[in-house]
Amino acid sequence: GSPITSEERRLRDKKHLNDITAARLPPLHHSPAKLLSLEESIAIQIQQKEAYEEMQAKLAAQKLAERLNIKMLRFEPEGQASMQYREVRDED
């Protein structure tokens, strides 16, 4: 037979796959993978680790507060309550 090009072979293989399976690859929603330098990769990993640890700390504090039934209230030492006990004086 005559030799077929790689493009024709790819189309033939694709047609064959279409005949034997209904499975399809999902559409690519994100940009394809790209190479990063080692420094960029380490910086991203450190940033992700810090964000993860911060999220874990917040979640742990929330769970502890729920377990101990602690309610966080607003504390204003110089707010309305302290003003009630002060005398009002004129500067004259």
PDB file of N, CA and C in Angstrom:
ATOM      1  N   GLY A   1       0.796  -1.169   0.000  1.00  0.00           N
ATOM      2  CA  GLY A   1       0.000   0.000   0.000  1.00  0.00           C
ATOM      3  C   GLY A   1       0.850   1.248   0.000  1.00  0.00           C
ATOM      4  N   SER A   2       0.209   2.343  -0.260  1.00  0.00           N
ATOM      5  CA  SER A   2       0.925   3.604  -0.288  1.00  0.00           C
ATOM      6  C   SER A   2       1.163   4.074   1.150  1.00  0.00           C
ATOM      7  N   PRO A   3       2.324   4.683   1.396  1.00  0.00           N
ATOM      8  CA  PRO A   3       2.599   5.186   2.751  1.00  0.00           C
ATOM      9  C   PRO A   3       1.663   6.354   3.061  1.00  0.00           C
ATOM     10  N   ILE A   4       1.135   6.388   4.293  1.00  0.00           N
ATOM     11  CA  ILE A   4       0.243   7.471   4.679  1.00  0.00           C
ATOM     12  C   ILE A   4       0.998   8.451   5.573  1.00  0.00           C
ATOM     13  N   THR A   5       0.585   9.682   5.503  1.00  0.00           N
ATOM     14  CA  THR A   5       1.257  10.708   6.299  1.00  0.00           C
ATOM     15  C   THR A   5       0.814  10.589   7.759  1.00  0.00           C
ATOM     16  N   SER A   6       1.555  11.239   8.620  1.00  0.00           N
ATOM     17  CA  SER A   6       1.227  11.188  10.058  1.00  0.00           C
ATOM     18  C   SER A   6      -0.135  11.833  10.332  1.00  0.00           C
ATOM     19  N   GLU A   7      -0.469  12.868   9.556  1.00  0.00           N
ATOM     20  CA  GLU A   7      -1.768  13.533   9.719  1.00  0.00           C
ATOM     21  C   GLU A   7      -2.908  12.574   9.356  1.00  0.00           C
ATOM     22  N   GLU A   8      -2.739  11.834   8.249  1.00  0.00           N
ATOM     23  CA  GLU A   8      -3.768  10.878   7.846  1.00  0.00           C
ATOM     24  C   GLU A   8      -3.891   9.749   8.861  1.00  0.00           C
ATOM     25  N   ARG A   9      -2.752   9.308   9.380  1.00  0.00           N
ATOM     26  CA  ARG A   9      -2.760   8.247  10.382  1.00  0.00           C
ATOM     27  C   ARG A   9      -3.482   8.727  11.655  1.00  0.00           C
ATOM     28  N   ARG A  10      -3.221   9.982  12.056  1.00  0.00           N
ATOM     29  CA  ARG A  10      -3.863  10.534  13.258  1.00  0.00           C
ATOM     30  C   ARG A  10      -5.377  10.595  13.058  1.00  0.00           C
ATOM     31  N   LEU A  11      -5.806  11.060  11.888  1.00  0.00           N
ATOM     32  CA  LEU A  11      -7.247  11.142  11.602  1.00  0.00           C
ATOM     33  C   LEU A  11      -7.879   9.760  11.574  1.00  0.00           C
ATOM     34  N   ARG A  12      -7.165   8.777  11.002  1.00  0.00           N
ATOM     35  CA  ARG A  12      -7.684   7.414  10.945  1.00  0.00           C
ATOM     36  C   ARG A  12      -7.815   6.830  12.359  1.00  0.00           C
ATOM     37  N   ASP A  13      -6.782   7.042  13.188  1.00  0.00           N
ATOM     38  CA  ASP A  13      -6.822   6.543  14.574  1.00  0.00           C
ATOM     39  C   ASP A  13      -7.947   7.214  15.360  1.00  0.00           C
ATOM     40  N   LYS A  14      -8.145   8.525  15.124  1.00  0.00           N
ATOM     41  CA  LYS A  14      -9.200   9.258  15.816  1.00  0.00           C
ATOM     42  C   LYS A  14     -10.569   8.721  15.404  1.00  0.00           C
ATOM     43  N   LYS A  15     -10.743   8.454  14.102  1.00  0.00           N
ATOM     44  CA  LYS A  15     -12.005   7.899  13.612  1.00  0.00           C
ATOM     45  C   LYS A  15     -12.239   6.532  14.211  1.00  0.00           C
ATOM     46  N   HIS A  16     -11.192   5.730  14.325  1.00  0.00           N
ATOM     47  CA  HIS A  16     -11.315   4.406  14.918  1.00  0.00           C
ATOM     48  C   HIS A  16     -11.739   4.519  16.388  1.00  0.00           C
ATOM     49  N   LEU A  17     -11.134   5.446  17.127  1.00  0.00           N
ATOM     50  CA  LEU A  17     -11.518   5.647  18.523  1.00  0.00           C
ATOM     51  C   LEU A  17     -12.964   6.101  18.629  1.00  0.00           C
ATOM     52  N   ASN A  18     -13.404   6.957  17.709  1.00  0.00           N
ATOM     53  CA  ASN A  18     -14.790   7.414  17.710  1.00  0.00           C
ATOM     54  C   ASN A  18     -15.747   6.244  17.466  1.00  0.00           C
ATOM     55  N   ASP A  19     -15.301   5.261  16.697  1.00  0.00           N
ATOM     56  CA  ASP A  19     -16.156   4.113  16.407  1.00  0.00           C
ATOM     57  C   ASP A  19     -16.267   3.174  17.605  1.00  0.00           C
ATOM     58  N   ILE A  20     -15.201   3.035  18.408  1.00  0.00           N
ATOM     59  CA  ILE A  20     -15.222   2.044  19.476  1.00  0.00           C
ATOM     60  C   ILE A  20     -15.583   2.613  20.846  1.00  0.00           C
ATOM     61  N   THR A  21     -15.555   3.931  21.048  1.00  0.00           N
ATOM     62  CA  THR A  21     -15.867   4.493  22.361  1.00  0.00           C
ATOM     63  C   THR A  21     -16.578   5.835  22.221  1.00  0.00           C
ATOM     64  N   ALA A  22     -17.419   6.136  23.200  1.00  0.00           N
ATOM     65  CA  ALA A  22     -18.096   7.427  23.227  1.00  0.00           C
ATOM     66  C   ALA A  22     -17.371   8.400  24.155  1.00  0.00           C
ATOM     67  N   ALA A  23     -16.283   7.937  24.753  1.00  0.00           N
ATOM     68  CA  ALA A  23     -15.542   8.787  25.690  1.00  0.00           C
ATOM     69  C   ALA A  23     -14.855   9.916  24.934  1.00  0.00           C
ATOM     70  N   ARG A  24     -14.930  11.090  25.504  1.00  0.00           N
ATOM     71  CA  ARG A  24     -14.300  12.272  24.899  1.00  0.00           C
ATOM     72  C   ARG A  24     -13.479  12.980  25.967  1.00  0.00           C
ATOM     73  N   LEU A  25     -12.444  13.630  25.564  1.00  0.00           N
ATOM     74  CA  LEU A  25     -11.661  14.435  26.496  1.00  0.00           C
ATOM     75  C   LEU A  25     -12.439  15.696  26.840  1.00  0.00           C
ATOM     76  N   PRO A  26     -12.415  16.102  28.105  1.00  0.00           N
ATOM     77  CA  PRO A  26     -13.113  17.339  28.453  1.00  0.00           C
ATOM     78  C   PRO A  26     -12.423  18.536  27.794  1.00  0.00           C
ATOM     79  N   PRO A  27     -13.173  19.605  27.529  1.00  0.00           N
ATOM     80  CA  PRO A  27     -12.544  20.780  26.916  1.00  0.00           C
ATOM     81  C   PRO A  27     -11.527  21.404  27.871  1.00  0.00           C
ATOM     82  N   LEU A  28     -10.504  21.978  27.313  1.00  0.00           N
ATOM     83  CA  LEU A  28      -9.448  22.590  28.105  1.00  0.00           C
ATOM     84  C   LEU A  28      -9.891  23.986  28.526  1.00  0.00           C
ATOM     85  N   HIS A  29     -10.160  24.164  29.823  1.00  0.00           N
ATOM     86  CA  HIS A  29     -10.644  25.450  30.331  1.00  0.00           C
ATOM     87  C   HIS A  29      -9.504  26.355  30.763  1.00  0.00           C
ATOM     88  N   HIS A  30      -8.390  25.766  31.101  1.00  0.00           N
ATOM     89  CA  HIS A  30      -7.265  26.545  31.610  1.00  0.00           C
ATOM     90  C   HIS A  30      -6.132  26.522  30.594  1.00  0.00           C
ATOM     91  N   SER A  31      -5.201  27.420  30.797  1.00  0.00           N
ATOM     92  CA  SER A  31      -4.062  27.440  29.884  1.00  0.00           C
ATOM     93  C   SER A  31      -3.239  26.175  30.098  1.00  0.00           C
ATOM     94  N   PRO A  32      -2.558  25.731  29.082  1.00  0.00           N
ATOM     95  CA  PRO A  32      -1.763  24.512  29.231  1.00  0.00           C
ATOM     96  C   PRO A  32      -0.638  24.704  30.248  1.00  0.00           C
ATOM     97  N   ALA A  33      -0.120  23.600  30.725  1.00  0.00           N
ATOM     98  CA  ALA A  33       0.952  23.647  31.719  1.00  0.00           C
ATOM     99  C   ALA A  33       2.169  24.366  31.137  1.00  0.00           C
ATOM    100  N   LYS A  34       2.886  25.043  32.008  1.00  0.00           N
ATOM    101  CA  LYS A  34       4.095  25.727  31.545  1.00  0.00           C
ATOM    102  C   LYS A  34       5.230  25.438  32.513  1.00  0.00           C
ATOM    103  N   LEU A  35       6.409  25.521  32.011  1.00  0.00           N
ATOM    104  CA  LEU A  35       7.586  25.254  32.831  1.00  0.00           C
ATOM    105  C   LEU A  35       7.891  26.453  33.722  1.00  0.00           C
ATOM    106  N   LEU A  36       8.272  26.168  34.967  1.00  0.00           N
ATOM    107  CA  LEU A  36       8.671  27.204  35.911  1.00  0.00           C
ATOM    108  C   LEU A  36      10.111  26.972  36.309  1.00  0.00           C
ATOM    109  N   SER A  37      10.749  28.051  36.667  1.00  0.00           N
ATOM    110  CA  SER A  37      12.100  27.888  37.194  1.00  0.00           C
ATOM    111  C   SER A  37      11.972  27.316  38.604  1.00  0.00           C
ATOM    112  N   LEU A  38      13.062  26.779  39.101  1.00  0.00           N
ATOM    113  CA  LEU A  38      13.070  26.197  40.439  1.00  0.00           C
ATOM    114  C   LEU A  38      12.721  27.244  41.491  1.00  0.00           C
ATOM    115  N   GLU A  39      13.241  28.463  41.324  1.00  0.00           N
ATOM    116  CA  GLU A  39      12.972  29.536  42.286  1.00  0.00           C
ATOM    117  C   GLU A  39      11.487  29.898  42.315  1.00  0.00           C
ATOM    118  N   GLU A  40      10.863  30.002  41.124  1.00  0.00           N
ATOM    119  CA  GLU A  40       9.435  30.315  41.052  1.00  0.00           C
ATOM    120  C   GLU A  40       8.602  29.215  41.704  1.00  0.00           C
ATOM    121  N   SER A  41       8.979  27.981  41.455  1.00  0.00           N
ATOM    122  CA  SER A  41       8.262  26.855  42.023  1.00  0.00           C
ATOM    123  C   SER A  41       8.347  26.856  43.549  1.00  0.00           C
ATOM    124  N   ILE A  42       9.527  27.106  44.082  1.00  0.00           N
ATOM    125  CA  ILE A  42       9.709  27.141  45.535  1.00  0.00           C
ATOM    126  C   ILE A  42       8.907  28.291  46.136  1.00  0.00           C
ATOM    127  N   ALA A  43       8.935  29.457  45.493  1.00  0.00           N
ATOM    128  CA  ALA A  43       8.188  30.611  45.996  1.00  0.00           C
ATOM    129  C   ALA A  43       6.688  30.310  46.031  1.00  0.00           C
ATOM    130  N   ILE A  44       6.169  29.672  44.998  1.00  0.00           N
ATOM    131  CA  ILE A  44       4.744  29.329  44.958  1.00  0.00           C
ATOM    132  C   ILE A  44       4.414  28.315  46.039  1.00  0.00           C
ATOM    133  N   GLN A  45       5.279  27.326  46.226  1.00  0.00           N
ATOM    134  CA  GLN A  45       5.029  26.315  47.251  1.00  0.00           C
ATOM    135  C   GLN A  45       5.034  26.925  48.650  1.00  0.00           C
ATOM    136  N   ILE A  46       5.950  27.837  48.906  1.00  0.00           N
ATOM    137  CA  ILE A  46       6.003  28.492  50.217  1.00  0.00           C
ATOM    138  C   ILE A  46       4.751  29.324  50.433  1.00  0.00           C
ATOM    139  N   GLN A  47       4.329  30.064  49.409  1.00  0.00           N
ATOM    140  CA  GLN A  47       3.112  30.883  49.501  1.00  0.00           C
ATOM    141  C   GLN A  47       1.889  30.006  49.767  1.00  0.00           C
ATOM    142  N   GLN A  48       1.780  28.886  49.064  1.00  0.00           N
ATOM    143  CA  GLN A  48       0.644  27.992  49.258  1.00  0.00           C
ATOM    144  C   GLN A  48       0.677  27.375  50.657  1.00  0.00           C
ATOM    145  N   LYS A  49       1.862  27.028  51.139  1.00  0.00           N
ATOM    146  CA  LYS A  49       1.988  26.442  52.474  1.00  0.00           C
ATOM    147  C   LYS A  49       1.560  27.442  53.543  1.00  0.00           C
ATOM    148  N   GLU A  50       1.983  28.702  53.404  1.00  0.00           N
ATOM    149  CA  GLU A  50       1.602  29.731  54.373  1.00  0.00           C
ATOM    150  C   GLU A  50       0.091  29.954  54.363  1.00  0.00           C
ATOM    151  N   ALA A  51      -0.512  30.003  53.182  1.00  0.00           N
ATOM    152  CA  ALA A  51      -1.960  30.192  53.079  1.00  0.00           C
ATOM    153  C   ALA A  51      -2.693  29.009  53.704  1.00  0.00           C
ATOM    154  N   TYR A  52      -2.186  27.803  53.478  1.00  0.00           N
ATOM    155  CA  TYR A  52      -2.798  26.605  54.035  1.00  0.00           C
ATOM    156  C   TYR A  52      -2.709  26.614  55.562  1.00  0.00           C
ATOM    157  N   GLU A  53      -1.538  26.953  56.098  1.00  0.00           N
ATOM    158  CA  GLU A  53      -1.363  26.978  57.546  1.00  0.00           C
ATOM    159  C   GLU A  53      -2.236  28.054  58.194  1.00  0.00           C
ATOM    160  N   GLU A  54      -2.368  29.200  57.539  1.00  0.00           N
ATOM    161  CA  GLU A  54      -3.229  30.262  58.057  1.00  0.00           C
ATOM    162  C   GLU A  54      -4.688  29.801  58.090  1.00  0.00           C
ATOM    163  N   MET A  55      -5.123  29.127  57.028  1.00  0.00           N
ATOM    164  CA  MET A  55      -6.483  28.629  56.974  1.00  0.00           C
ATOM    165  C   MET A  55      -6.702  27.565  58.057  1.00  0.00           C
ATOM    166  N   GLN A  56      -5.720  26.684  58.254  1.00  0.00           N
ATOM    167  CA  GLN A  56      -5.826  25.657  59.281  1.00  0.00           C
ATOM    168  C   GLN A  56      -5.907  26.284  60.673  1.00  0.00           C
ATOM    169  N   ALA A  57      -5.130  27.339  60.927  1.00  0.00           N
ATOM    170  CA  ALA A  57      -5.145  28.005  62.221  1.00  0.00           C
ATOM    171  C   ALA A  57      -6.505  28.654  62.481  1.00  0.00           C
ATOM    172  N   LYS A  58      -7.075  29.297  61.468  1.00  0.00           N
ATOM    173  CA  LYS A  58      -8.393  29.915  61.624  1.00  0.00           C
ATOM    174  C   LYS A  58      -9.454  28.855  61.912  1.00  0.00           C
ATOM    175  N   LEU A  59      -9.384  27.748  61.180  1.00  0.00           N
ATOM    176  CA  LEU A  59     -10.354  26.681  61.381  1.00  0.00           C
ATOM    177  C   LEU A  59     -10.207  26.071  62.771  1.00  0.00           C
ATOM    178  N   ALA A  60      -8.974  25.873  63.234  1.00  0.00           N
ATOM    179  CA  ALA A  60      -8.743  25.321  64.567  1.00  0.00           C
ATOM    180  C   ALA A  60      -9.266  26.271  65.643  1.00  0.00           C
ATOM    181  N   ALA A  61      -9.036  27.576  65.473  1.00  0.00           N
ATOM    182  CA  ALA A  61      -9.526  28.557  66.440  1.00  0.00           C
ATOM    183  C   ALA A  61     -11.053  28.568  66.464  1.00  0.00           C
ATOM    184  N   GLN A  62     -11.671  28.460  65.312  1.00  0.00           N
ATOM    185  CA  GLN A  62     -13.130  28.447  65.231  1.00  0.00           C
ATOM    186  C   GLN A  62     -13.689  27.211  65.919  1.00  0.00           C
ATOM    187  N   LYS A  63     -13.087  26.052  65.668  1.00  0.00           N
ATOM    188  CA  LYS A  63     -13.565  24.824  66.292  1.00  0.00           C
ATOM    189  C   LYS A  63     -13.384  24.878  67.805  1.00  0.00           C
ATOM    190  N   LEU A  64     -12.254  25.408  68.258  1.00  0.00           N
ATOM    191  CA  LEU A  64     -12.001  25.522  69.691  1.00  0.00           C
ATOM    192  C   LEU A  64     -13.012  26.460  70.347  1.00  0.00           C
ATOM    193  N   ALA A  65     -13.290  27.587  69.685  1.00  0.00           N
ATOM    194  CA  ALA A  65     -14.260  28.537  70.224  1.00  0.00           C
ATOM    195  C   ALA A  65     -15.648  27.906  70.305  1.00  0.00           C
ATOM    196  N   GLU A  66     -16.019  27.118  69.302  1.00  0.00           N
ATOM    197  CA  GLU A  66     -17.316  26.447  69.330  1.00  0.00           C
ATOM    198  C   GLU A  66     -17.367  25.414  70.451  1.00  0.00           C
ATOM    199  N   ARG A  67     -16.281  24.689  70.635  1.00  0.00           N
ATOM    200  CA  ARG A  67     -16.241  23.654  71.660  1.00  0.00           C
ATOM    201  C   ARG A  67     -16.314  24.263  73.055  1.00  0.00           C
ATOM    202  N   LEU A  68     -15.628  25.369  73.269  1.00  0.00           N
ATOM    203  CA  LEU A  68     -15.603  25.999  74.581  1.00  0.00           C
ATOM    204  C   LEU A  68     -16.753  26.981  74.772  1.00  0.00           C
ATOM    205  N   ASN A  69     -17.572  27.144  73.737  1.00  0.00           N
ATOM    206  CA  ASN A  69     -18.716  28.052  73.765  1.00  0.00           C
ATOM    207  C   ASN A  69     -18.277  29.482  74.104  1.00  0.00           C
ATOM    208  N   ILE A  70     -17.242  29.940  73.433  1.00  0.00           N
ATOM    209  CA  ILE A  70     -16.718  31.290  73.629  1.00  0.00           C
ATOM    210  C   ILE A  70     -17.343  32.192  72.574  1.00  0.00           C
ATOM    211  N   LYS A  71     -17.841  33.325  73.020  1.00  0.00           N
ATOM    212  CA  LYS A  71     -18.396  34.294  72.079  1.00  0.00           C
ATOM    213  C   LYS A  71     -17.485  35.520  72.077  1.00  0.00           C
ATOM    214  N   MET A  72     -17.078  35.908  70.898  1.00  0.00           N
ATOM    215  CA  MET A  72     -16.197  37.069  70.766  1.00  0.00           C
ATOM    216  C   MET A  72     -17.070  38.324  70.695  1.00  0.00           C
ATOM    217  N   LEU A  73     -16.922  39.198  71.690  1.00  0.00           N
ATOM    218  CA  LEU A  73     -17.667  40.448  71.716  1.00  0.00           C
ATOM    219  C   LEU A  73     -16.716  41.602  71.460  1.00  0.00           C
ATOM    220  N   ARG A  74     -17.285  42.719  71.075  1.00  0.00           N
ATOM    221  CA  ARG A  74     -16.487  43.910  70.803  1.00  0.00           C
ATOM    222  C   ARG A  74     -16.072  44.548  72.120  1.00  0.00           C
ATOM    223  N   PHE A  75     -14.797  44.864  72.250  1.00  0.00           N
ATOM    224  CA  PHE A  75     -14.269  45.491  73.464  1.00  0.00           C
ATOM    225  C   PHE A  75     -13.764  46.873  73.103  1.00  0.00           C
ATOM    226  N   GLU A  76     -14.386  47.896  73.688  1.00  0.00           N
ATOM    227  CA  GLU A  76     -14.000  49.279  73.414  1.00  0.00           C
ATOM    228  C   GLU A  76     -13.767  49.994  74.741  1.00  0.00           C
ATOM    229  N   PRO A  77     -12.547  49.968  75.246  1.00  0.00           N
ATOM    230  CA  PRO A  77     -12.292  50.598  76.543  1.00  0.00           C
ATOM    231  C   PRO A  77     -12.503  52.109  76.507  1.00  0.00           C
ATOM    232  N   GLU A  78     -12.373  52.737  75.372  1.00  0.00           N
ATOM    233  CA  GLU A  78     -12.572  54.190  75.254  1.00  0.00           C
ATOM    234  C   GLU A  78     -13.882  54.516  74.556  1.00  0.00           C
ATOM    235  N   GLY A  79     -14.807  53.561  74.566  1.00  0.00           N
ATOM    236  CA  GLY A  79     -16.066  53.750  73.853  1.00  0.00           C
ATOM    237  C   GLY A  79     -17.134  54.381  74.714  1.00  0.00           C
ATOM    238  N   GLN A  80     -18.386  54.051  74.443  1.00  0.00           N
ATOM    239  CA  GLN A  80     -19.543  54.657  75.099  1.00  0.00           C
ATOM    240  C   GLN A  80     -19.555  54.421  76.606  1.00  0.00           C
ATOM    241  N   ALA A  81     -19.272  53.221  77.077  1.00  0.00           N
ATOM    242  CA  ALA A  81     -19.390  52.891  78.498  1.00  0.00           C
ATOM    243  C   ALA A  81     -18.463  53.741  79.350  1.00  0.00           C
ATOM    244  N   SER A  82     -17.248  53.974  78.893  1.00  0.00           N
ATOM    245  CA  SER A  82     -16.309  54.755  79.697  1.00  0.00           C
ATOM    246  C   SER A  82     -16.679  56.241  79.708  1.00  0.00           C
ATOM    247  N   MET A  83     -17.378  56.702  78.701  1.00  0.00           N
ATOM    248  CA  MET A  83     -17.763  58.114  78.635  1.00  0.00           C
ATOM    249  C   MET A  83     -18.871  58.441  79.641  1.00  0.00           C
ATOM    250  N   GLN A  84     -19.634  57.459  80.063  1.00  0.00           N
ATOM    251  CA  GLN A  84     -20.737  57.704  80.981  1.00  0.00           C
ATOM    252  C   GLN A  84     -20.238  58.127  82.365  1.00  0.00           C
ATOM    253  N   TYR A  85     -19.040  57.714  82.741  1.00  0.00           N
ATOM    254  CA  TYR A  85     -18.536  57.982  84.080  1.00  0.00           C
ATOM    255  C   TYR A  85     -17.665  59.236  84.159  1.00  0.00           C
ATOM    256  N   ARG A  86     -17.402  59.864  83.074  1.00  0.00           N
ATOM    257  CA  ARG A  86     -16.539  61.029  83.077  1.00  0.00           C
ATOM    258  C   ARG A  86     -17.356  62.311  83.277  1.00  0.00           C
ATOM    259  N   GLU A  87     -16.759  63.233  83.919  1.00  0.00           N
ATOM    260  CA  GLU A  87     -17.416  64.530  84.105  1.00  0.00           C
ATOM    261  C   GLU A  87     -17.144  65.410  82.896  1.00  0.00           C
ATOM    262  N   VAL A  88     -18.105  66.230  82.574  1.00  0.00           N
ATOM    263  CA  VAL A  88     -17.935  67.166  81.475  1.00  0.00           C
ATOM    264  C   VAL A  88     -17.536  68.498  82.072  1.00  0.00           C
ATOM    265  N   ARG A  89     -16.405  69.028  81.660  1.00  0.00           N
ATOM    266  CA  ARG A  89     -15.905  70.296  82.208  1.00  0.00           C
ATOM    267  C   ARG A  89     -15.732  71.297  81.072  1.00  0.00           C
ATOM    268  N   ASP A  90     -16.050  72.543  81.369  1.00  0.00           N
ATOM    269  CA  ASP A  90     -15.807  73.601  80.406  1.00  0.00           C
ATOM    270  C   ASP A  90     -14.369  74.054  80.559  1.00  0.00           C
ATOM    271  N   GLU A  91     -13.799  74.542  79.488  1.00  0.00           N
ATOM    272  CA  GLU A  91     -12.431  75.026  79.519  1.00  0.00           C
ATOM    273  C   GLU A  91     -12.341  76.447  80.062  1.00  0.00           C
ATOM    274  N   ASP A  92     -13.472  77.112  80.271  1.00  0.00           N
ATOM    275  CA  ASP A  92     -13.464  78.501  80.743  1.00  0.00           C
ATOM    276  C   ASP A  92     -12.975  78.595  82.134  1.00  0.00           C
TER     277      ASP A  92
END
